Protein backbone atom coordinates (compact mmCIF):
# COMPACT_ATOMS: atom_id res chain seq x y z
CA MET A 1 0.05 -0.05 0.37
CA PHE A 2 2.74 2.55 1.53
CA CYS A 3 4.90 2.05 -2.21
CA VAL A 4 1.62 1.81 -4.19
CA LEU A 5 1.27 5.23 -2.57
CA VAL A 6 4.89 6.43 -3.26
CA PHE A 7 4.60 5.39 -7.26
CA ASN A 8 1.43 7.42 -7.22
CA VAL A 9 3.85 10.89 -5.98
CA SER A 10 6.25 9.84 -7.85
CA MET A 11 4.23 9.84 -10.66
CA LEU A 12 2.04 12.98 -10.22
CA GLU A 13 5.02 14.85 -9.26
CA THR A 14 6.58 13.97 -13.05
CA PHE A 15 3.10 15.07 -14.73
CA LEU A 16 2.77 18.20 -12.62
CA ARG A 17 6.74 19.23 -13.97
CA ALA A 18 5.34 18.04 -17.33
CA PHE A 19 2.57 20.32 -17.80
CA ALA A 20 4.48 22.54 -15.46
CA ASN A 21 7.19 22.67 -18.19
CA LYS A 22 4.33 22.32 -21.50
CA SER A 23 2.85 25.75 -19.82
CA VAL A 24 6.56 27.25 -20.09
CA VAL A 25 7.24 26.59 -23.23
CA LEU A 26 3.51 28.46 -24.00
CA ALA A 27 4.19 30.58 -22.05
CA LYS A 28 7.60 31.66 -24.24
CA THR A 29 6.22 31.19 -28.12
CA ARG A 30 2.97 34.13 -26.55
CA PHE A 31 5.92 35.84 -25.32
CA ALA A 32 8.18 35.32 -27.95
CA HIS A 33 5.01 37.59 -30.43
CA HIS A 34 4.80 40.42 -28.09
CA TYR A 35 8.57 40.76 -27.69
CA PRO A 36 11.14 41.42 -30.90
CA ARG A 37 13.26 38.18 -31.35
CA GLY A 38 16.87 38.88 -29.04
CA THR A 39 15.07 40.36 -26.61
CA GLN A 40 14.89 38.94 -23.65
CA TYR A 41 11.24 36.66 -23.98
CA GLY A 42 11.99 36.60 -27.71
CA GLN A 43 14.61 33.52 -28.69
């Protein structure tokens, strides 16, 4: 039971990290439309 709980927590952490990375990529591409290339956000 405890092992299943730990496994679910690690899966949830991995999912949250992937979701956060996807959000960061979406935010960067959205910022890239507002900021010119070469600035901090427009890469």
